[in-house]
């Protein structure tokens, strides 16, 4: 069975490749694309794969735009970070969704469903109607009400410093960011550490009371924000401490939430 991965974070691709190989070695990953444009070109130039793992948020837009530009005959397993676009996955060729960080048992469930569909009567490109139970489950997870127990957030990160391993508490971290598709964080003492998580994964293990993701490449704490200024396109420009080497912008759709979060 041939597979295409549409994902714009290298670390997420490596983890998914490894997990797929462990769960079902019969799957052959034919290609990896990282943008809407690249994905459309790949699908136009190659036979339709049996399965596509498709991230929802890509660097140049939302992957749903792919369906507007090319006919997608493959079955889709969407990956998402609990955002409001996840439910749109049920409107296209989706057979399932995987919530980041992807868990092995969830991948096994999705591939089991794929095998059942392949052995059944549904043609490729047609997905079963999503169950109310699955939709309600996703809504609870998106709203942070997945169960009676309060969610536990990450308290420390184990990182390398030369030949040593250090345990850094989240209270010592001011912001996380991506650089060349790797993830790093800066501490209060302006130390930089590589962390083995994508920002999608970090967004799900960090306390949203303490951390906010103003754009796809950045997660900040209150103490990291030194100045806030208006920016064109109804966005905000942040000055961070320690200094951040790129533009730190709050995307237009997150401005209202950011202002609320900063006022808490």
C-alpha atoms as a PDB file:
ATOM      1  CA  UNK A   1       0.000   0.000   0.000  1.00  0.00           C
ATOM      2  CA  UNK A   2       1.496   3.322  -1.109  1.00  0.00           C
ATOM      3  CA  UNK A   3       1.519   6.396   1.138  1.00  0.00           C
ATOM      4  CA  UNK A   4       2.068  10.149   0.726  1.00  0.00           C
ATOM      5  CA  UNK A   5       2.890  12.305   3.764  1.00  0.00           C
ATOM      6  CA  UNK A   6       1.904  15.980   3.626  1.00  0.00           C
ATOM      7  CA  UNK A   7       3.624  17.659   6.588  1.00  0.00           C
ATOM      8  CA  UNK A   8       5.800  20.773   6.883  1.00  0.00           C
ATOM      9  CA  UNK A   9       7.806  19.883  10.003  1.00  0.00           C
ATOM     10  CA  UNK A  10      10.804  17.608   9.456  1.00  0.00           C
ATOM     11  CA  UNK A  11      10.711  16.234  12.983  1.00  0.00           C
ATOM     12  CA  UNK A  12       7.042  15.295  12.631  1.00  0.00           C
ATOM     13  CA  UNK A  13       7.832  13.552   9.320  1.00  0.00           C
ATOM     14  CA  UNK A  14      10.662  11.546  10.874  1.00  0.00           C
ATOM     15  CA  UNK A  15       8.504  10.469  13.804  1.00  0.00           C
ATOM     16  CA  UNK A  16       5.603   9.482  11.550  1.00  0.00           C
ATOM     17  CA  UNK A  17       7.886   7.547   9.187  1.00  0.00           C
ATOM     18  CA  UNK A  18       9.342   5.616  12.115  1.00  0.00           C
ATOM     19  CA  UNK A  19       5.953   4.881  13.664  1.00  0.00           C
ATOM     20  CA  UNK A  20       4.421   3.766  10.366  1.00  0.00           C
ATOM     21  CA  UNK A  21       7.356   1.397   9.739  1.00  0.00           C
ATOM     22  CA  UNK A  22       6.905  -0.112  13.195  1.00  0.00           C
ATOM     23  CA  UNK A  23       3.120  -0.441  13.034  1.00  0.00           C
ATOM     24  CA  UNK A  24       2.755  -1.654   9.431  1.00  0.00           C
ATOM     25  CA  UNK A  25       5.958  -2.404   7.464  1.00  0.00           C
ATOM     26  CA  UNK A  26       3.842  -3.218   4.394  1.00  0.00           C
ATOM     27  CA  UNK A  27       3.166   0.497   3.865  1.00  0.00           C
ATOM     28  CA  UNK A  28       5.515   2.167   1.364  1.00  0.00           C
ATOM     29  CA  UNK A  29       6.033   5.908   1.722  1.00  0.00           C
ATOM     30  CA  UNK A  30       6.271   7.145  -1.859  1.00  0.00           C
ATOM     31  CA  UNK A  31       6.732  10.804  -1.133  1.00  0.00           C
ATOM     32  CA  UNK A  32       6.742  13.655   1.355  1.00  0.00           C
ATOM     33  CA  UNK A  33       5.499  17.159   0.555  1.00  0.00           C
ATOM     34  CA  UNK A  34       5.500  20.208   2.796  1.00  0.00           C
ATOM     35  CA  UNK A  35       3.201  22.764   1.174  1.00  0.00           C
ATOM     36  CA  UNK A  36      -0.052  23.117  -0.737  1.00  0.00           C
ATOM     37  CA  UNK A  37       1.784  23.965  -3.967  1.00  0.00           C
ATOM     38  CA  UNK A  38       4.203  21.057  -3.670  1.00  0.00           C
ATOM     39  CA  UNK A  39       1.397  18.640  -2.772  1.00  0.00           C
ATOM     40  CA  UNK A  40      -0.742  19.657  -5.756  1.00  0.00           C
ATOM     41  CA  UNK A  41       2.240  19.238  -8.102  1.00  0.00           C
ATOM     42  CA  UNK A  42       3.040  15.807  -6.628  1.00  0.00           C
ATOM     43  CA  UNK A  43      -0.548  14.585  -6.954  1.00  0.00           C
ATOM     44  CA  UNK A  44      -0.742  15.809 -10.553  1.00  0.00           C
ATOM     45  CA  UNK A  45       2.531  14.111 -11.504  1.00  0.00           C
ATOM     46  CA  UNK A  46       2.101  10.752  -9.728  1.00  0.00           C
ATOM     47  CA  UNK A  47      -0.478   7.959  -9.536  1.00  0.00           C
ATOM     48  CA  UNK A  48      -2.855   8.427  -6.625  1.00  0.00           C
ATOM     49  CA  UNK A  49      -1.446   6.824  -3.466  1.00  0.00           C
ATOM     50  CA  UNK A  50      -3.645   4.477  -1.451  1.00  0.00           C
ATOM     51  CA  UNK A  51      -3.349   6.693   1.636  1.00  0.00           C
ATOM     52  CA  UNK A  52      -2.350  10.259   2.474  1.00  0.00           C
ATOM     53  CA  UNK A  53      -1.348  11.451   5.940  1.00  0.00           C
ATOM     54  CA  UNK A  54      -2.272  15.139   5.697  1.00  0.00           C
ATOM     55  CA  UNK A  55      -1.401  17.849   8.187  1.00  0.00           C
ATOM     56  CA  UNK A  56      -4.078  20.544   8.329  1.00  0.00           C
ATOM     57  CA  UNK A  57      -1.929  23.637   8.904  1.00  0.00           C
ATOM     58  CA  UNK A  58       0.863  24.026   6.343  1.00  0.00           C
ATOM     59  CA  UNK A  59       3.307  26.883   5.857  1.00  0.00           C
ATOM     60  CA  UNK A  60       1.367  28.296   2.869  1.00  0.00           C
ATOM     61  CA  UNK A  61      -2.163  27.693   4.123  1.00  0.00           C
ATOM     62  CA  UNK A  62      -4.613  24.986   5.142  1.00  0.00           C
ATOM     63  CA  UNK A  63      -4.392  21.658   3.395  1.00  0.00           C
ATOM     64  CA  UNK A  64      -8.119  21.746   2.552  1.00  0.00           C
ATOM     65  CA  UNK A  65      -7.090  24.092  -0.286  1.00  0.00           C
ATOM     66  CA  UNK A  66      -5.449  21.106  -2.014  1.00  0.00           C
ATOM     67  CA  UNK A  67      -8.912  19.676  -2.747  1.00  0.00           C
ATOM     68  CA  UNK A  68      -9.837  22.891  -4.590  1.00  0.00           C
ATOM     69  CA  UNK A  69      -6.915  22.523  -6.988  1.00  0.00           C
ATOM     70  CA  UNK A  70      -6.664  18.811  -7.759  1.00  0.00           C
ATOM     71  CA  UNK A  71      -8.925  15.772  -7.569  1.00  0.00           C
ATOM     72  CA  UNK A  72      -7.825  13.654  -4.611  1.00  0.00           C
ATOM     73  CA  UNK A  73      -8.816  10.008  -5.002  1.00  0.00           C
ATOM     74  CA  UNK A  74      -6.819   8.689  -2.053  1.00  0.00           C
ATOM     75  CA  UNK A  75      -8.137   8.002   1.409  1.00  0.00           C
ATOM     76  CA  UNK A  76      -6.977  10.566   3.960  1.00  0.00           C
ATOM     77  CA  UNK A  77      -5.877  10.375   7.574  1.00  0.00           C
ATOM     78  CA  UNK A  78      -5.693  13.955   8.816  1.00  0.00           C
ATOM     79  CA  UNK A  79      -3.305  15.070  11.529  1.00  0.00           C
ATOM     80  CA  UNK A  80      -4.299  18.065  13.624  1.00  0.00           C
ATOM     81  CA  UNK A  81      -3.389  20.020  16.728  1.00  0.00           C
ATOM     82  CA  UNK A  82      -6.906  20.342  18.197  1.00  0.00           C
ATOM     83  CA  UNK A  83      -7.651  23.466  16.159  1.00  0.00           C
ATOM     84  CA  UNK A  84     -11.042  24.605  14.934  1.00  0.00           C
ATOM     85  CA  UNK A  85     -10.449  23.286  11.407  1.00  0.00           C
ATOM     86  CA  UNK A  86     -10.301  19.641  12.473  1.00  0.00           C
ATOM     87  CA  UNK A  87     -13.987  18.991  11.892  1.00  0.00           C
ATOM     88  CA  UNK A  88     -13.609  20.003   8.237  1.00  0.00           C
ATOM     89  CA  UNK A  89     -11.629  16.781   7.814  1.00  0.00           C
ATOM     90  CA  UNK A  90     -14.916  14.878   7.849  1.00  0.00           C
ATOM     91  CA  UNK A  91     -16.170  16.743   4.783  1.00  0.00           C
ATOM     92  CA  UNK A  92     -13.562  15.341   2.397  1.00  0.00           C
ATOM     93  CA  UNK A  93     -11.981  11.906   1.903  1.00  0.00           C
ATOM     94  CA  UNK A  94     -11.094  11.448   5.557  1.00  0.00           C
ATOM     95  CA  UNK A  95     -11.324   8.051   7.176  1.00  0.00           C
ATOM     96  CA  UNK A  96      -9.867   9.248  10.462  1.00  0.00           C
ATOM     97  CA  UNK A  97      -7.915  11.962  12.234  1.00  0.00           C
ATOM     98  CA  UNK A  98      -4.830  11.731  14.427  1.00  0.00           C
ATOM     99  CA  UNK A  99      -4.412  14.266  17.194  1.00  0.00           C
ATOM    100  CA  UNK A 100      -0.862  15.522  17.678  1.00  0.00           C
ATOM    101  CA  UNK A 101       1.328  14.370  19.307  1.00  0.00           C
ATOM    102  CA  UNK A 102       0.434  11.164  17.469  1.00  0.00           C
ATOM    103  CA  UNK A 103       0.158   8.107  19.688  1.00  0.00           C
ATOM    104  CA  UNK A 104       0.994   4.613  18.478  1.00  0.00           C
ATOM    105  CA  UNK A 105      -2.377   3.177  19.498  1.00  0.00           C
ATOM    106  CA  UNK A 106      -4.179   5.913  17.545  1.00  0.00           C
ATOM    107  CA  UNK A 107      -2.149   5.175  14.429  1.00  0.00           C
ATOM    108  CA  UNK A 108      -2.865   1.460  14.828  1.00  0.00           C
ATOM    109  CA  UNK A 109      -6.592   2.247  15.091  1.00  0.00           C
ATOM    110  CA  UNK A 110      -6.531   4.375  11.945  1.00  0.00           C
ATOM    111  CA  UNK A 111      -4.648   1.773   9.894  1.00  0.00           C
ATOM    112  CA  UNK A 112      -6.984  -0.947  11.136  1.00  0.00           C
ATOM    113  CA  UNK A 113      -9.926   1.130   9.917  1.00  0.00           C
ATOM    114  CA  UNK A 114      -8.157   1.610   6.580  1.00  0.00           C
ATOM    115  CA  UNK A 115      -7.691  -2.152   6.170  1.00  0.00           C
ATOM    116  CA  UNK A 116     -11.352  -2.764   7.007  1.00  0.00           C
ATOM    117  CA  UNK A 117     -12.441  -0.217   4.408  1.00  0.00           C
ATOM    118  CA  UNK A 118     -10.067  -1.649   1.822  1.00  0.00           C
ATOM    119  CA  UNK A 119     -11.528  -5.102   2.392  1.00  0.00           C
ATOM    120  CA  UNK A 120     -15.082  -3.743   2.263  1.00  0.00           C
ATOM    121  CA  UNK A 121     -17.222  -2.185  -0.426  1.00  0.00           C
ATOM    122  CA  UNK A 122     -16.479   1.531  -0.108  1.00  0.00           C
ATOM    123  CA  UNK A 123     -14.538   2.810  -3.139  1.00  0.00           C
ATOM    124  CA  UNK A 124     -11.369   4.848  -2.733  1.00  0.00           C
ATOM    125  CA  UNK A 125     -12.134   8.518  -2.323  1.00  0.00           C
ATOM    126  CA  UNK A 126     -15.326   7.851  -0.376  1.00  0.00           C
ATOM    127  CA  UNK A 127     -15.229   7.868   3.391  1.00  0.00           C
ATOM    128  CA  UNK A 128     -17.851   6.516   5.796  1.00  0.00           C
ATOM    129  CA  UNK A 129     -20.002   8.991   7.623  1.00  0.00           C
ATOM    130  CA  UNK A 130     -18.272  10.014  10.866  1.00  0.00           C
ATOM    131  CA  UNK A 131     -19.963   8.756  13.978  1.00  0.00           C
ATOM    132  CA  UNK A 132     -21.487  11.171  16.465  1.00  0.00           C
ATOM    133  CA  UNK A 133     -19.265   9.584  19.104  1.00  0.00           C
ATOM    134  CA  UNK A 134     -16.099  10.486  17.166  1.00  0.00           C
ATOM    135  CA  UNK A 135     -17.242  14.068  16.570  1.00  0.00           C
ATOM    136  CA  UNK A 136     -18.197  14.559  20.222  1.00  0.00           C
ATOM    137  CA  UNK A 137     -14.840  13.094  21.295  1.00  0.00           C
ATOM    138  CA  UNK A 138     -12.968  15.537  19.081  1.00  0.00           C
ATOM    139  CA  UNK A 139     -15.010  18.474  20.335  1.00  0.00           C
ATOM    140  CA  UNK A 140     -14.277  17.545  23.954  1.00  0.00           C
ATOM    141  CA  UNK A 141     -10.561  17.307  23.197  1.00  0.00           C
ATOM    142  CA  UNK A 142     -10.590  20.634  21.370  1.00  0.00           C
ATOM    143  CA  UNK A 143     -12.364  22.264  24.301  1.00  0.00           C
ATOM    144  CA  UNK A 144     -10.125  20.652  26.908  1.00  0.00           C
ATOM    145  CA  UNK A 145     -12.924  18.611  28.471  1.00  0.00           C
ATOM    146  CA  UNK A 146     -11.885  15.137  27.401  1.00  0.00           C
ATOM    147  CA  UNK A 147     -12.442  13.517  30.762  1.00  0.00           C
ATOM    148  CA  UNK A 148     -13.083  13.947  34.453  1.00  0.00           C
ATOM    149  CA  UNK A 149      -9.401  14.245  35.357  1.00  0.00           C
ATOM    150  CA  UNK A 150      -7.606  17.554  34.892  1.00  0.00           C
ATOM    151  CA  UNK A 151      -4.994  17.488  32.171  1.00  0.00           C
ATOM    152  CA  UNK A 152      -1.410  17.360  33.379  1.00  0.00           C
ATOM    153  CA  UNK A 153       1.023  19.624  31.553  1.00  0.00           C
ATOM    154  CA  UNK A 154       4.730  19.249  31.006  1.00  0.00           C
ATOM    155  CA  UNK A 155       6.831  20.507  33.926  1.00  0.00           C
ATOM    156  CA  UNK A 156      10.394  19.855  32.709  1.00  0.00           C
ATOM    157  CA  UNK A 157      12.409  19.118  29.567  1.00  0.00           C
ATOM    158  CA  UNK A 158      15.540  16.980  29.349  1.00  0.00           C
ATOM    159  CA  UNK A 159      18.045  18.564  26.958  1.00  0.00           C
ATOM    160  CA  UNK A 160      21.676  18.122  25.928  1.00  0.00           C
ATOM    161  CA  UNK A 161      24.470  20.546  26.732  1.00  0.00           C
ATOM    162  CA  UNK A 162      27.654  19.184  25.217  1.00  0.00           C
ATOM    163  CA  UNK A 163      28.085  15.713  26.683  1.00  0.00           C
ATOM    164  CA  UNK A 164      25.760  16.448  29.609  1.00  0.00           C
ATOM    165  CA  UNK A 165      22.020  16.132  30.061  1.00  0.00           C
ATOM    166  CA  UNK A 166      20.152  18.949  31.790  1.00  0.00           C
ATOM    167  CA  UNK A 167      16.641  19.003  33.221  1.00  0.00           C
ATOM    168  CA  UNK A 168      15.122  22.438  32.623  1.00  0.00           C
ATOM    169  CA  UNK A 169      11.897  23.446  34.372  1.00  0.00           C
ATOM    170  CA  UNK A 170       9.234  25.168  32.274  1.00  0.00           C
ATOM    171  CA  UNK A 171       9.379  28.119  34.670  1.00  0.00           C
ATOM    172  CA  UNK A 172      12.901  28.831  33.393  1.00  0.00           C
ATOM    173  CA  UNK A 173      11.777  28.882  29.740  1.00  0.00           C
ATOM    174  CA  UNK A 174      10.629  32.135  28.122  1.00  0.00           C
ATOM    175  CA  UNK A 175       9.776  30.996  24.603  1.00  0.00           C
ATOM    176  CA  UNK A 176       9.935  28.131  22.113  1.00  0.00           C
ATOM    177  CA  UNK A 177      10.560  28.659  18.402  1.00  0.00           C
ATOM    178  CA  UNK A 178      11.430  26.901  15.166  1.00  0.00           C
ATOM    179  CA  UNK A 179      14.576  27.506  13.131  1.00  0.00           C
ATOM    180  CA  UNK A 180      15.310  25.544   9.944  1.00  0.00           C
ATOM    181  CA  UNK A 181      12.462  23.191  10.969  1.00  0.00           C
ATOM    182  CA  UNK A 182      14.080  22.333  14.309  1.00  0.00           C
ATOM    183  CA  UNK A 183      12.581  23.363  17.641  1.00  0.00           C
ATOM    184  CA  UNK A 184      14.451  25.314  20.325  1.00  0.00           C
ATOM    185  CA  UNK A 185      13.739  27.195  23.508  1.00  0.00           C
ATOM    186  CA  UNK A 186      15.346  30.178  25.212  1.00  0.00           C
ATOM    187  CA  UNK A 187      15.715  30.386  28.966  1.00  0.00           C
ATOM    188  CA  UNK A 188      15.618  33.364  31.317  1.00  0.00           C
ATOM    189  CA  UNK A 189      19.438  33.334  31.251  1.00  0.00           C
ATOM    190  CA  UNK A 190      19.383  33.476  27.406  1.00  0.00           C
ATOM    191  CA  UNK A 191      20.524  29.896  26.923  1.00  0.00           C
ATOM    192  CA  UNK A 192      19.388  28.155  23.738  1.00  0.00           C
ATOM    193  CA  UNK A 193      18.494  24.446  23.744  1.00  0.00           C
ATOM    194  CA  UNK A 194      17.326  22.057  21.046  1.00  0.00           C
ATOM    195  CA  UNK A 195      14.153  20.190  22.014  1.00  0.00           C
ATOM    196  CA  UNK A 196      12.958  16.972  20.399  1.00  0.00           C
ATOM    197  CA  UNK A 197       9.353  18.072  19.858  1.00  0.00           C
ATOM    198  CA  UNK A 198       7.522  19.929  17.118  1.00  0.00           C
ATOM    199  CA  UNK A 199       5.689  23.106  18.085  1.00  0.00           C
ATOM    200  CA  UNK A 200       2.415  21.291  17.406  1.00  0.00           C
ATOM    201  CA  UNK A 201       3.400  18.714  20.027  1.00  0.00           C
ATOM    202  CA  UNK A 202       4.628  21.363  22.450  1.00  0.00           C
ATOM    203  CA  UNK A 203       1.371  23.281  22.155  1.00  0.00           C
ATOM    204  CA  UNK A 204      -0.441  20.242  23.536  1.00  0.00           C
ATOM    205  CA  UNK A 205       1.831  19.559  26.520  1.00  0.00           C
ATOM    206  CA  UNK A 206       2.318  23.151  27.720  1.00  0.00           C
ATOM    207  CA  UNK A 207      -0.115  24.877  30.083  1.00  0.00           C
ATOM    208  CA  UNK A 208      -2.150  27.375  28.002  1.00  0.00           C
ATOM    209  CA  UNK A 209      -2.403  29.618  31.049  1.00  0.00           C
ATOM    210  CA  UNK A 210       1.377  30.105  30.857  1.00  0.00           C
ATOM    211  CA  UNK A 211       2.115  29.662  27.144  1.00  0.00           C
ATOM    212  CA  UNK A 212       0.555  31.134  24.010  1.00  0.00           C
ATOM    213  CA  UNK A 213       1.241  30.333  20.353  1.00  0.00           C
ATOM    214  CA  UNK A 214       0.959  33.634  18.440  1.00  0.00           C
ATOM    215  CA  UNK A 215       1.956  32.033  15.123  1.00  0.00           C
ATOM    216  CA  UNK A 216       3.076  28.660  13.768  1.00  0.00           C
ATOM    217  CA  UNK A 217       6.733  29.240  14.579  1.00  0.00           C
ATOM    218  CA  UNK A 218       6.583  30.605  18.118  1.00  0.00           C
ATOM    219  CA  UNK A 219       5.257  29.861  21.614  1.00  0.00           C
ATOM    220  CA  UNK A 220       5.729  32.552  24.270  1.00  0.00           C
ATOM    221  CA  UNK A 221       5.235  33.150  27.982  1.00  0.00           C
ATOM    222  CA  UNK A 222       3.929  36.383  29.492  1.00  0.00           C
ATOM    223  CA  UNK A 223       7.402  37.276  30.758  1.00  0.00           C
ATOM    224  CA  UNK A 224       8.893  36.896  27.274  1.00  0.00           C
ATOM    225  CA  UNK A 225       6.760  39.743  25.895  1.00  0.00           C
ATOM    226  CA  UNK A 226       8.571  43.055  26.393  1.00  0.00           C
ATOM    227  CA  UNK A 227       6.612  45.266  23.976  1.00  0.00           C
ATOM    228  CA  UNK A 228       3.457  44.984  21.841  1.00  0.00           C
ATOM    229  CA  UNK A 229       2.924  47.203  18.812  1.00  0.00           C
ATOM    230  CA  UNK A 230       0.311  47.354  16.042  1.00  0.00           C
ATOM    231  CA  UNK A 231       1.402  45.807  12.743  1.00  0.00           C
ATOM    232  CA  UNK A 232      -0.115  45.996   9.281  1.00  0.00           C
ATOM    233  CA  UNK A 233      -2.727  43.433   8.327  1.00  0.00           C
ATOM    234  CA  UNK A 234      -4.441  43.793  11.735  1.00  0.00           C
ATOM    235  CA  UNK A 235      -1.603  41.890  13.359  1.00  0.00           C
ATOM    236  CA  UNK A 236       0.620  42.654  16.339  1.00  0.00           C
ATOM    237  CA  UNK A 237       4.421  42.833  16.491  1.00  0.00           C
ATOM    238  CA  UNK A 238       6.094  41.614  19.671  1.00  0.00           C
ATOM    239  CA  UNK A 239       9.483  42.505  21.091  1.00  0.00           C
ATOM    240  CA  UNK A 240      10.732  39.534  23.087  1.00  0.00           C
ATOM    241  CA  UNK A 241      13.287  39.056  25.806  1.00  0.00           C
ATOM    242  CA  UNK A 242      15.802  37.569  25.349  1.00  0.00           C
ATOM    243  CA  UNK A 243      15.904  39.115  21.843  1.00  0.00           C
ATOM    244  CA  UNK A 244      14.327  36.994  19.110  1.00  0.00           C
ATOM    245  CA  UNK A 245      16.189  36.992  15.800  1.00  0.00           C
ATOM    246  CA  UNK A 246      13.068  36.892  13.589  1.00  0.00           C
ATOM    247  CA  UNK A 247       9.859  38.892  13.449  1.00  0.00           C
ATOM    248  CA  UNK A 248       7.599  37.906  16.334  1.00  0.00           C
ATOM    249  CA  UNK A 249       4.107  38.509  14.977  1.00  0.00           C
ATOM    250  CA  UNK A 250       0.680  37.656  16.344  1.00  0.00           C
ATOM    251  CA  UNK A 251      -1.388  36.372  13.425  1.00  0.00           C
ATOM    252  CA  UNK A 252      -4.604  38.264  12.671  1.00  0.00           C
ATOM    253  CA  UNK A 253      -6.901  35.431  13.760  1.00  0.00           C
ATOM    254  CA  UNK A 254      -5.128  35.135  17.127  1.00  0.00           C
ATOM    255  CA  UNK A 255      -4.967  38.816  18.092  1.00  0.00           C
ATOM    256  CA  UNK A 256      -8.153  38.763  20.177  1.00  0.00           C
ATOM    257  CA  UNK A 257      -7.162  35.580  22.058  1.00  0.00           C
ATOM    258  CA  UNK A 258      -3.667  36.955  22.619  1.00  0.00           C
ATOM    259  CA  UNK A 259      -4.982  40.169  24.163  1.00  0.00           C
ATOM    260  CA  UNK A 260      -7.246  38.161  26.465  1.00  0.00           C
ATOM    261  CA  UNK A 261      -4.363  35.868  27.445  1.00  0.00           C
ATOM    262  CA  UNK A 262      -2.005  38.782  28.136  1.00  0.00           C
ATOM    263  CA  UNK A 263      -4.624  40.357  30.398  1.00  0.00           C
ATOM    264  CA  UNK A 264      -4.956  37.302  32.644  1.00  0.00           C
END
